[in-house]
């Protein structure tokens, strides 16, 4: 039986969690695996990170923290991810987890020079995705849910870019054979995406953003939603 660990790198807004659950709930549902096959580890409050080799796959969630804040728990997680990648255990980092993977492999992360990307946007797969086991078979362009202010500023030398758009050059990357990072949120649905816009409405309006326009982008993201399930299948295959 495959076993997965979800590293919880923070919590969603209280209003959202009361209605829809939290990062770990959406991630597990996206993986399509039963709760008894998943260990959730709270990276902020639990200090002794588990042995990744005991699991068939690892997912690191998004966070409301910023990688550049340099929190102790985040720096510990970066070191842990670096060892995990070397071990060959399949890894998927989502948003914050994607940025931690980048740091762990030697890249840099910081605020996006054009500000925050939020809403449902289209991404384009790059040629390297055609032979990537996680992204191959997906359409060349598809919509994804996003909300992030920080980004990958420079990639590690061994990273392969898999997806991008005009705003974000590193929407998906791979390091080695089985460590992926996605800047977008495959675990979100339209309810969660709309709720994130609502929670940040004041900040967005203060920045001069058009809320009506942002809400108008929100739509279903069926192709992006398959990525978590495909990752689970890769992990199960490796367990055979």
Protein backbone atom coordinates (compact mmCIF):
# COMPACT_ATOMS: atom_id res chain seq x y z
CA UNK A 1 0.00 0.00 0.00
CA UNK A 2 1.38 3.39 -1.01
CA UNK A 3 1.89 5.95 1.74
CA UNK A 4 1.99 9.69 1.24
CA UNK A 5 3.09 12.58 3.40
CA UNK A 6 1.61 16.05 3.04
CA UNK A 7 3.83 18.72 4.55
CA UNK A 8 1.48 21.48 5.70
CA UNK A 9 3.37 24.76 5.33
CA UNK A 10 0.67 26.97 6.80
CA UNK A 11 -3.08 27.39 7.02
CA UNK A 12 -5.66 29.01 4.82
CA UNK A 13 -7.85 31.92 5.93
CA UNK A 14 -10.22 31.00 8.79
CA UNK A 15 -13.33 31.84 6.76
CA UNK A 16 -12.20 29.52 3.99
CA UNK A 17 -11.26 26.65 6.30
CA UNK A 18 -14.66 26.76 7.98
CA UNK A 19 -16.38 26.33 4.63
CA UNK A 20 -14.01 24.18 2.59
CA UNK A 21 -11.29 22.72 4.80
CA UNK A 22 -7.57 23.47 4.62
CA UNK A 23 -4.56 22.90 2.37
CA UNK A 24 -4.05 19.31 3.45
CA UNK A 25 -7.72 18.44 2.83
CA UNK A 26 -7.72 19.79 -0.72
CA UNK A 27 -4.38 18.13 -1.44
CA UNK A 28 -5.46 14.71 -0.21
CA UNK A 29 -8.71 14.93 -2.17
CA UNK A 30 -6.72 15.89 -5.27
CA UNK A 31 -4.41 12.91 -4.82
CA UNK A 32 -7.47 10.67 -4.68
CA UNK A 33 -6.11 8.52 -1.86
CA UNK A 34 -7.89 7.48 1.37
CA UNK A 35 -7.02 9.28 4.63
CA UNK A 36 -5.37 6.20 6.13
CA UNK A 37 -2.70 6.34 3.42
CA UNK A 38 -1.74 9.93 4.21
CA UNK A 39 0.31 11.44 7.03
CA UNK A 40 -0.07 15.19 7.50
CA UNK A 41 2.95 16.91 9.05
CA UNK A 42 2.60 20.48 10.32
CA UNK A 43 5.94 22.07 9.41
CA UNK A 44 5.32 25.17 11.52
CA UNK A 45 4.40 23.49 14.80
CA UNK A 46 6.14 20.09 14.55
CA UNK A 47 9.91 20.28 14.57
CA UNK A 48 11.09 16.73 13.92
CA UNK A 49 10.60 16.11 10.21
CA UNK A 50 9.91 12.47 9.34
CA UNK A 51 12.13 10.20 7.28
CA UNK A 52 10.99 10.75 3.70
CA UNK A 53 12.27 7.33 2.61
CA UNK A 54 9.43 5.77 4.61
CA UNK A 55 6.92 7.24 2.13
CA UNK A 56 6.16 6.70 -1.52
CA UNK A 57 5.47 10.36 -2.25
CA UNK A 58 5.73 13.80 -0.64
CA UNK A 59 3.66 16.94 -1.28
CA UNK A 60 4.48 20.34 0.25
CA UNK A 61 1.52 22.72 0.32
CA UNK A 62 1.20 26.41 -0.27
CA UNK A 63 1.50 28.95 2.54
CA UNK A 64 0.64 32.52 3.44
CA UNK A 65 4.25 32.97 4.57
CA UNK A 66 6.96 34.27 2.27
CA UNK A 67 10.07 32.22 1.57
CA UNK A 68 12.23 35.32 2.01
CA UNK A 69 10.96 35.69 5.60
CA UNK A 70 13.50 32.98 6.44
CA UNK A 71 11.48 31.38 9.24
CA UNK A 72 13.35 28.64 11.12
CA UNK A 73 10.75 26.02 10.16
CA UNK A 74 11.02 27.01 6.51
CA UNK A 75 14.81 26.85 6.49
CA UNK A 76 14.67 23.40 8.11
CA UNK A 77 12.25 22.32 5.42
CA UNK A 78 14.57 23.53 2.67
CA UNK A 79 17.39 21.34 4.01
CA UNK A 80 15.01 18.38 4.34
CA UNK A 81 13.81 18.80 0.74
CA UNK A 82 17.40 18.87 -0.53
CA UNK A 83 18.06 15.47 1.05
CA UNK A 84 14.73 14.13 -0.19
CA UNK A 85 15.48 15.07 -3.81
CA UNK A 86 18.81 13.27 -3.58
CA UNK A 87 17.02 10.18 -2.23
CA UNK A 88 14.78 9.85 -5.30
CA UNK A 89 11.47 9.91 -3.41
CA UNK A 90 8.81 11.52 -5.66
CA UNK A 91 8.15 15.11 -4.58
CA UNK A 92 5.60 17.75 -5.54
CA UNK A 93 5.81 21.31 -4.26
CA UNK A 94 2.78 23.57 -4.68
CA UNK A 95 3.29 27.36 -4.76
CA UNK A 96 5.31 27.85 -1.54
CA UNK A 97 6.47 24.23 -1.84
CA UNK A 98 7.57 24.94 -5.42
CA UNK A 99 9.63 27.88 -4.22
CA UNK A 100 11.17 25.81 -1.40
CA UNK A 101 12.19 23.16 -3.93
CA UNK A 102 13.88 25.88 -5.97
CA UNK A 103 15.79 27.13 -2.92
CA UNK A 104 16.72 23.59 -1.88
CA UNK A 105 18.30 22.99 -5.29
CA UNK A 106 20.24 26.28 -5.33
CA UNK A 107 17.88 28.73 -7.04
CA UNK A 108 16.60 32.07 -5.75
CA UNK A 109 13.13 33.26 -4.75
CA UNK A 110 11.75 36.74 -4.20
CA UNK A 111 8.89 39.10 -4.92
CA UNK A 112 7.65 39.13 -8.48
CA UNK A 113 8.64 42.47 -10.08
CA UNK A 114 5.15 42.83 -11.59
CA UNK A 115 3.29 42.18 -8.35
CA UNK A 116 0.73 39.52 -7.52
CA UNK A 117 -0.68 36.98 -9.93
CA UNK A 118 -4.20 36.06 -8.83
CA UNK A 119 -7.20 34.47 -10.47
CA UNK A 120 -7.52 31.80 -13.12
CA UNK A 121 -4.91 32.17 -15.86
CA UNK A 122 -3.78 30.14 -18.85
CA UNK A 123 -0.38 28.48 -18.87
CA UNK A 124 1.49 26.97 -21.80
CA UNK A 125 3.47 23.76 -21.67
CA UNK A 126 7.04 24.01 -22.90
CA UNK A 127 8.61 21.43 -25.28
CA UNK A 128 10.32 19.59 -22.40
CA UNK A 129 6.90 18.66 -20.97
CA UNK A 130 6.23 16.26 -23.86
CA UNK A 131 8.49 13.62 -22.28
CA UNK A 132 7.79 14.47 -18.64
CA UNK A 133 5.83 11.75 -16.86
CA UNK A 134 3.72 14.24 -14.89
CA UNK A 135 2.82 16.63 -17.71
CA UNK A 136 2.92 14.55 -20.87
CA UNK A 137 -0.48 14.09 -22.47
CA UNK A 138 -1.90 17.36 -21.18
CA UNK A 139 -3.07 20.05 -23.65
CA UNK A 140 -0.46 22.54 -24.76
CA UNK A 141 -2.44 25.29 -23.00
CA UNK A 142 -4.88 25.05 -20.08
CA UNK A 143 -6.23 27.18 -17.20
CA UNK A 144 -4.90 27.10 -13.63
CA UNK A 145 -5.76 28.84 -10.35
CA UNK A 146 -3.14 31.22 -8.96
CA UNK A 147 -2.43 33.48 -6.02
CA UNK A 148 1.19 34.36 -5.34
CA UNK A 149 3.37 37.42 -4.77
CA UNK A 150 6.74 35.69 -4.68
CA UNK A 151 8.25 33.75 -7.52
CA UNK A 152 11.30 31.87 -8.75
CA UNK A 153 13.75 34.57 -9.74
CA UNK A 154 16.52 32.25 -10.90
CA UNK A 155 16.38 28.52 -11.47
CA UNK A 156 18.85 25.97 -10.16
CA UNK A 157 21.28 24.82 -12.85
CA UNK A 158 19.71 21.34 -12.94
CA UNK A 159 16.10 22.51 -13.25
CA UNK A 160 13.95 21.95 -16.33
CA UNK A 161 11.14 24.38 -17.08
CA UNK A 162 7.89 22.67 -18.02
CA UNK A 163 5.23 25.43 -18.12
CA UNK A 164 5.02 29.21 -18.21
CA UNK A 165 2.89 32.17 -19.24
CA UNK A 166 3.54 35.82 -20.03
CA UNK A 167 3.52 36.76 -16.33
CA UNK A 168 5.24 33.75 -14.78
CA UNK A 169 8.20 32.08 -16.48
CA UNK A 170 8.36 29.16 -14.03
CA UNK A 171 4.84 27.85 -13.54
CA UNK A 172 6.16 24.29 -13.48
CA UNK A 173 9.63 22.82 -13.15
CA UNK A 174 11.29 19.47 -12.61
CA UNK A 175 14.53 18.75 -10.80
CA UNK A 176 16.07 15.35 -11.34
CA UNK A 177 13.74 12.54 -12.37
CA UNK A 178 10.87 12.92 -9.92
CA UNK A 179 10.84 16.25 -8.07
CA UNK A 180 8.32 18.76 -9.41
CA UNK A 181 7.28 22.25 -8.46
CA UNK A 182 4.15 24.07 -9.65
CA UNK A 183 3.55 27.75 -8.95
CA UNK A 184 -0.18 27.34 -9.56
CA UNK A 185 -2.71 25.54 -7.35
CA UNK A 186 -3.98 22.23 -8.76
CA UNK A 187 -5.78 21.60 -5.45
CA UNK A 188 -8.07 24.66 -5.76
CA UNK A 189 -11.58 24.64 -7.19
CA UNK A 190 -13.60 27.68 -8.25
CA UNK A 191 -15.11 28.12 -4.76
CA UNK A 192 -11.67 28.28 -3.16
CA UNK A 193 -10.31 30.58 -5.88
CA UNK A 194 -13.22 33.01 -5.52
CA UNK A 195 -12.80 32.92 -1.74
CA UNK A 196 -9.12 33.82 -2.03
CA UNK A 197 -9.97 36.83 -4.17
CA UNK A 198 -12.62 37.87 -1.65
CA UNK A 199 -10.21 37.55 1.30
CA UNK A 200 -7.64 39.72 -0.46
CA UNK A 201 -10.08 42.21 -1.97
CA UNK A 202 -8.97 45.16 0.15
CA UNK A 203 -5.29 44.64 -0.61
CA UNK A 204 -5.99 44.17 -4.31
CA UNK A 205 -8.10 47.34 -4.54
CA UNK A 206 -5.43 49.30 -2.68
CA UNK A 207 -2.95 48.12 -5.31
CA UNK A 208 -5.24 49.44 -8.05
CA UNK A 209 -6.44 46.03 -9.21
CA UNK A 210 -9.86 45.60 -10.85
CA UNK A 211 -11.79 43.10 -8.73
CA UNK A 212 -14.54 42.61 -11.30
CA UNK A 213 -11.92 41.70 -13.88
CA UNK A 214 -10.18 39.26 -11.53
CA UNK A 215 -13.44 37.56 -10.51
CA UNK A 216 -14.26 37.31 -14.21
CA UNK A 217 -11.23 35.12 -14.86
CA UNK A 218 -12.36 32.34 -12.51
CA UNK A 219 -13.38 29.14 -14.26
CA UNK A 220 -12.96 25.40 -13.92
CA UNK A 221 -9.44 23.94 -14.23
CA UNK A 222 -9.98 20.25 -15.02
CA UNK A 223 -6.56 19.65 -16.60
CA UNK A 224 -4.68 21.21 -13.68
CA UNK A 225 -6.74 19.12 -11.26
CA UNK A 226 -5.41 15.91 -12.84
CA UNK A 227 -1.84 16.70 -11.84
CA UNK A 228 -2.23 15.63 -8.20
CA UNK A 229 -3.85 12.36 -9.21
CA UNK A 230 -1.15 11.75 -11.83
CA UNK A 231 1.48 12.37 -9.17
CA UNK A 232 -0.20 9.79 -6.91
CA UNK A 233 -0.12 7.26 -9.77
CA UNK A 234 3.59 7.89 -10.33
CA UNK A 235 4.22 7.26 -6.63
CA UNK A 236 2.14 4.05 -6.67
CA UNK A 237 3.95 2.81 -9.77
CA UNK A 238 7.28 3.33 -8.06
CA UNK A 239 5.99 1.24 -5.16
CA UNK A 240 5.36 -1.77 -7.37
